[in-house]
Amino acid sequence: MEKEKVISAIKQRTKEGRIPCAVCFKIAEEYNISKKELGELLNELGIKVIQCQLGLFK
């Protein structure tokens, strides 16, 4: 995983410290990383997932 590129993509798509779940799925697919890895990066960056496709995060 090219961590810095993934972090840059996350930051570009984050608004007010939040990012939609669907966008997270797209980033994971674009950079060929697992959703778990992406979630760990979001936690490190203090970014919250919104509009969860599973209804878990609001």
N, C-alpha and C. Protein backbone atom coordinates (compact mmCIF):
# COMPACT_ATOMS: atom_id res chain seq x y z
N MET A 1 0.85 -1.19 0.00
CA MET A 1 0.00 0.00 0.00
C MET A 1 0.89 1.24 0.00
N GLU A 2 0.54 2.17 -0.84
CA GLU A 2 1.23 3.45 -0.87
C GLU A 2 0.51 4.38 0.09
N LYS A 3 0.90 4.28 1.35
CA LYS A 3 0.18 4.94 2.45
C LYS A 3 -0.02 6.43 2.21
N GLU A 4 1.01 7.12 1.78
CA GLU A 4 0.88 8.58 1.61
C GLU A 4 -0.12 8.94 0.51
N LYS A 5 -0.18 8.14 -0.55
CA LYS A 5 -1.15 8.40 -1.62
C LYS A 5 -2.57 8.15 -1.13
N VAL A 6 -2.74 7.10 -0.35
CA VAL A 6 -4.07 6.79 0.20
C VAL A 6 -4.50 7.89 1.16
N ILE A 7 -3.59 8.32 2.01
CA ILE A 7 -3.90 9.40 2.96
C ILE A 7 -4.28 10.67 2.21
N SER A 8 -3.55 10.97 1.14
CA SER A 8 -3.87 12.15 0.34
C SER A 8 -5.27 12.04 -0.26
N ALA A 9 -5.61 10.87 -0.79
CA ALA A 9 -6.95 10.66 -1.36
C ALA A 9 -8.02 10.82 -0.30
N ILE A 10 -7.76 10.30 0.89
CA ILE A 10 -8.72 10.42 2.00
C ILE A 10 -8.93 11.90 2.34
N LYS A 11 -7.83 12.62 2.52
CA LYS A 11 -7.93 14.03 2.91
C LYS A 11 -8.64 14.88 1.86
N GLN A 12 -8.41 14.56 0.58
CA GLN A 12 -9.06 15.32 -0.49
C GLN A 12 -10.57 15.13 -0.48
N ARG A 13 -11.03 13.99 0.01
CA ARG A 13 -12.45 13.67 -0.04
C ARG A 13 -13.15 13.81 1.31
N THR A 14 -12.43 14.29 2.30
CA THR A 14 -12.98 14.47 3.64
C THR A 14 -13.46 15.91 3.82
N LYS A 15 -14.63 16.04 4.41
CA LYS A 15 -15.16 17.37 4.71
C LYS A 15 -15.50 17.43 6.19
N GLU A 16 -14.95 18.42 6.85
CA GLU A 16 -15.21 18.65 8.27
C GLU A 16 -14.94 17.39 9.11
N GLY A 17 -13.87 16.67 8.76
CA GLY A 17 -13.48 15.50 9.54
C GLY A 17 -14.35 14.28 9.34
N ARG A 18 -15.13 14.28 8.25
CA ARG A 18 -16.05 13.17 7.97
C ARG A 18 -15.94 12.75 6.50
N ILE A 19 -16.19 11.47 6.27
CA ILE A 19 -16.14 10.93 4.91
C ILE A 19 -17.25 9.90 4.76
N PRO A 20 -17.99 9.95 3.66
CA PRO A 20 -19.06 8.97 3.44
C PRO A 20 -18.51 7.55 3.22
N CYS A 21 -19.25 6.59 3.68
CA CYS A 21 -18.87 5.19 3.55
C CYS A 21 -18.63 4.81 2.09
N ALA A 22 -19.51 5.23 1.19
CA ALA A 22 -19.38 4.88 -0.23
C ALA A 22 -18.05 5.39 -0.80
N VAL A 23 -17.62 6.54 -0.34
CA VAL A 23 -16.35 7.10 -0.79
C VAL A 23 -15.19 6.24 -0.26
N CYS A 24 -15.32 5.75 0.96
CA CYS A 24 -14.30 4.87 1.53
C CYS A 24 -14.17 3.60 0.70
N PHE A 25 -15.30 3.02 0.31
CA PHE A 25 -15.28 1.81 -0.51
C PHE A 25 -14.56 2.08 -1.83
N LYS A 26 -14.82 3.24 -2.41
CA LYS A 26 -14.22 3.61 -3.69
C LYS A 26 -12.70 3.78 -3.54
N ILE A 27 -12.27 4.43 -2.46
CA ILE A 27 -10.83 4.62 -2.22
C ILE A 27 -10.15 3.27 -2.03
N ALA A 28 -10.76 2.39 -1.26
CA ALA A 28 -10.19 1.06 -1.03
C ALA A 28 -10.03 0.32 -2.36
N GLU A 29 -11.02 0.44 -3.22
CA GLU A 29 -10.95 -0.23 -4.52
C GLU A 29 -9.87 0.41 -5.41
N GLU A 30 -9.83 1.74 -5.45
CA GLU A 30 -8.86 2.45 -6.28
C GLU A 30 -7.42 2.10 -5.92
N TYR A 31 -7.16 1.95 -4.62
CA TYR A 31 -5.79 1.72 -4.16
C TYR A 31 -5.54 0.26 -3.78
N ASN A 32 -6.52 -0.60 -4.09
CA ASN A 32 -6.39 -2.04 -3.87
C ASN A 32 -5.96 -2.37 -2.43
N ILE A 33 -6.67 -1.77 -1.48
CA ILE A 33 -6.42 -2.07 -0.07
C ILE A 33 -7.72 -2.58 0.55
N SER A 34 -7.59 -3.27 1.66
CA SER A 34 -8.79 -3.79 2.32
C SER A 34 -9.53 -2.66 3.02
N LYS A 35 -10.79 -2.88 3.24
CA LYS A 35 -11.59 -1.90 3.97
C LYS A 35 -11.09 -1.78 5.40
N LYS A 36 -10.56 -2.87 5.93
CA LYS A 36 -9.99 -2.85 7.28
C LYS A 36 -8.78 -1.92 7.33
N GLU A 37 -7.89 -2.03 6.35
CA GLU A 37 -6.72 -1.15 6.30
C GLU A 37 -7.15 0.30 6.19
N LEU A 38 -8.14 0.55 5.35
CA LEU A 38 -8.63 1.91 5.18
C LEU A 38 -9.22 2.43 6.50
N GLY A 39 -9.98 1.58 7.17
CA GLY A 39 -10.55 1.96 8.46
C GLY A 39 -9.49 2.31 9.49
N GLU A 40 -8.40 1.55 9.48
CA GLU A 40 -7.30 1.83 10.40
C GLU A 40 -6.67 3.18 10.10
N LEU A 41 -6.52 3.51 8.82
CA LEU A 41 -5.99 4.83 8.46
C LEU A 41 -6.95 5.94 8.89
N LEU A 42 -8.24 5.72 8.69
CA LEU A 42 -9.22 6.72 9.12
C LEU A 42 -9.14 6.95 10.63
N ASN A 43 -8.97 5.88 11.39
CA ASN A 43 -8.82 6.01 12.84
C ASN A 43 -7.56 6.81 13.18
N GLU A 44 -6.46 6.50 12.52
CA GLU A 44 -5.20 7.22 12.76
C GLU A 44 -5.37 8.71 12.49
N LEU A 45 -6.13 9.03 11.44
CA LEU A 45 -6.33 10.42 11.04
C LEU A 45 -7.45 11.11 11.81
N GLY A 46 -8.20 10.35 12.59
CA GLY A 46 -9.31 10.93 13.36
C GLY A 46 -10.49 11.31 12.49
N ILE A 47 -10.69 10.60 11.39
CA ILE A 47 -11.78 10.90 10.46
C ILE A 47 -12.92 9.92 10.71
N LYS A 48 -14.13 10.46 10.78
CA LYS A 48 -15.32 9.64 11.05
C LYS A 48 -16.01 9.27 9.75
N VAL A 49 -16.56 8.06 9.72
CA VAL A 49 -17.33 7.57 8.57
C VAL A 49 -18.78 7.98 8.78
N ILE A 50 -19.37 8.55 7.72
CA ILE A 50 -20.79 8.92 7.77
C ILE A 50 -21.52 8.20 6.65
N GLN A 51 -22.82 8.24 6.69
CA GLN A 51 -23.69 7.61 5.68
C GLN A 51 -23.27 6.16 5.45
N CYS A 52 -23.10 5.44 6.54
CA CYS A 52 -22.67 4.05 6.46
C CYS A 52 -23.67 3.22 5.67
N GLN A 53 -23.17 2.46 4.74
CA GLN A 53 -24.02 1.63 3.90
C GLN A 53 -24.65 0.49 4.70
N LEU A 54 -24.09 0.18 5.86
CA LEU A 54 -24.64 -0.87 6.70
C LEU A 54 -25.52 -0.30 7.81
N GLY A 55 -25.54 1.03 7.92
CA GLY A 55 -26.34 1.67 8.95
C GLY A 55 -25.69 1.67 10.32
N LEU A 56 -24.36 1.46 10.35
CA LEU A 56 -23.67 1.38 11.64
C LEU A 56 -23.23 2.73 12.18
N PHE A 57 -22.83 3.63 11.29
CA PHE A 57 -22.30 4.93 11.72
C PHE A 57 -23.21 6.02 11.21
N LYS A 58 -23.52 6.95 12.07
CA LYS A 58 -24.40 8.05 11.66
C LYS A 58 -23.81 9.38 12.04
